[in-house]
Protein backbone atom coordinates (compact mmCIF):
# COMPACT_ATOMS: atom_id res chain seq x y z
CA UNK A 1 16.08 -10.69 -1.47
CA UNK A 2 12.02 -9.78 -1.25
CA UNK A 3 10.23 -9.24 -4.36
CA UNK A 4 7.12 -6.83 -4.18
CA UNK A 5 4.84 -7.30 -7.16
CA UNK A 6 1.64 -4.58 -6.84
CA UNK A 7 -1.47 -4.19 -9.59
CA UNK A 8 -4.34 -2.96 -9.58
CA UNK A 9 -3.74 0.72 -10.14
CA UNK A 10 -5.45 2.73 -13.03
CA UNK A 11 -8.08 5.73 -13.75
CA UNK A 12 -11.15 6.21 -11.92
CA UNK A 13 -13.98 8.75 -11.73
CA UNK A 14 -13.99 10.75 -8.50
CA UNK A 15 -16.31 8.93 -5.81
CA UNK A 16 -14.92 5.40 -7.37
CA UNK A 17 -13.17 2.63 -5.97
CA UNK A 18 -10.11 0.69 -6.47
CA UNK A 19 -8.44 -2.24 -4.88
CA UNK A 20 -4.64 -2.51 -4.78
CA UNK A 21 -2.94 -5.63 -4.08
CA UNK A 22 0.89 -6.44 -3.23
CA UNK A 23 2.37 -9.86 -3.01
CA UNK A 24 5.77 -10.36 -1.32
CA UNK A 25 8.12 -13.36 -2.35
CA UNK A 26 11.76 -14.47 -2.23
CA UNK A 27 13.66 -14.15 1.10
CA UNK A 28 10.60 -14.06 3.48
CA UNK A 29 11.39 -14.45 7.26
CA UNK A 30 10.09 -12.04 9.90
CA UNK A 31 7.58 -9.61 8.06
CA UNK A 32 7.10 -6.85 10.72
CA UNK A 33 4.47 -4.36 8.64
CA UNK A 34 3.07 -4.14 5.05
CA UNK A 35 2.14 -1.06 3.68
CA UNK A 36 0.96 1.68 1.27
CA UNK A 37 2.49 4.75 0.64
CA UNK A 38 1.98 7.16 -2.00
CA UNK A 39 3.96 10.20 -4.14
CA UNK A 40 2.05 12.67 -6.29
CA UNK A 41 4.18 14.95 -8.92
CA UNK A 42 5.99 17.27 -6.69
CA UNK A 43 5.29 16.05 -3.45
CA UNK A 44 7.28 13.81 -0.68
CA UNK A 45 6.32 9.97 -0.23
CA UNK A 46 3.57 9.61 2.32
CA UNK A 47 2.27 6.41 4.44
CA UNK A 48 -1.60 5.90 3.62
CA UNK A 49 -1.42 2.73 5.63
CA UNK A 50 -0.15 0.19 6.84
CA UNK A 51 -0.49 -3.38 8.96
CA UNK A 52 1.68 -4.60 11.79
CA UNK A 53 1.59 -8.46 12.69
CA UNK A 54 -0.77 -9.03 15.26
CA UNK A 55 -3.66 -6.77 13.09
CA UNK A 56 -3.29 -2.95 14.16
CA UNK A 57 -3.12 -0.66 11.95
CA UNK A 58 -2.41 2.84 11.09
CA UNK A 59 -3.78 5.11 8.89
CA UNK A 60 -3.42 8.47 7.36
CA UNK A 61 -5.92 11.21 8.25
CA UNK A 62 -6.76 11.38 4.41
CA UNK A 63 -7.46 7.54 4.21
CA UNK A 64 -9.32 6.97 7.47
CA UNK A 65 -13.08 6.25 6.90
CA UNK A 66 -12.59 5.91 2.87
CA UNK A 67 -9.43 3.43 2.82
CA UNK A 68 -9.18 -0.24 4.40
CA UNK A 69 -6.07 -2.35 4.41
CA UNK A 70 -5.77 -6.00 4.74
CA UNK A 71 -3.31 -8.65 4.73
CA UNK A 72 -3.42 -12.46 4.09
CA UNK A 73 -0.10 -13.64 6.19
CA UNK A 74 0.07 -16.90 4.75
CA UNK A 75 -0.15 -15.69 1.18
CA UNK A 76 2.32 -12.65 2.07
CA UNK A 77 -0.22 -10.22 0.39
CA UNK A 78 -1.24 -6.88 0.94
CA UNK A 79 -4.57 -5.32 -0.08
CA UNK A 80 -5.87 -1.69 -0.13
CA UNK A 81 -9.34 -1.17 -0.86
CA UNK A 82 -9.71 2.41 -1.71
CA UNK A 83 -13.45 3.74 -1.90
CA UNK A 84 -15.00 7.31 -2.42
CA UNK A 85 -11.82 8.19 -4.36
CA UNK A 86 -10.87 11.99 -4.68
CA UNK A 87 -8.82 13.95 -7.41
CA UNK A 88 -6.20 14.23 -4.76
CA UNK A 89 -5.67 10.74 -4.18
CA UNK A 90 -3.91 10.62 -7.77
CA UNK A 91 -0.46 9.39 -7.38
CA UNK A 92 1.80 6.76 -7.82
CA UNK A 93 1.00 4.06 -4.86
CA UNK A 94 4.08 1.99 -3.68
CA UNK A 95 4.16 -1.22 -1.40
CA UNK A 96 6.32 -1.00 1.36
CA UNK A 97 7.54 -4.64 3.35
CA UNK A 98 9.18 -4.07 6.42
CA UNK A 99 11.05 -7.03 8.15
CA UNK A 100 12.62 -7.40 11.27
CA UNK A 101 15.81 -9.89 12.52
CA UNK A 102 18.33 -7.68 14.65
CA UNK A 103 17.68 -5.35 12.35
CA UNK A 104 15.36 -3.76 10.23
CA UNK A 105 14.89 -4.33 6.20
CA UNK A 106 13.02 -2.10 4.10
CA UNK A 107 11.38 -3.26 0.68
CA UNK A 108 9.46 -1.73 -1.67
CA UNK A 109 7.59 -2.33 -5.16
CA UNK A 110 7.86 -0.40 -8.24
CA UNK A 111 4.75 1.46 -7.48
CA UNK A 112 1.41 1.57 -9.29
CA UNK A 113 -0.43 4.61 -10.63
CA UNK A 114 -3.55 5.60 -9.40
CA UNK A 115 -5.30 8.61 -11.40
CA UNK A 116 -8.93 9.86 -10.29
CA UNK A 117 -10.09 12.14 -13.20
CA UNK A 118 -13.34 12.78 -14.45
């Protein structure tokens, strides 16, 4: 099994910044992607940003220009730097790790609350 521990959520004013971190441990053998998703009340979970092996990234349109994802492959960690936060960014943010060996294995963290409010 793989365990994902997220940290860094909290309350921030509009225009502020937060940095989310995700640390993976356990049976890690071949990470394909690490990424961040979010889910606001009454809405489906959606991709925020993901980074593939090799460094390519995928961002939601709402995150482009404001959020930056990074990974430390040696430490099996992923970080999401969020700047210029807006109230509509308020959600529970989840870390997701995908491994591949013949088939795909997805793992999710418990989530961390991000609230953007004045």
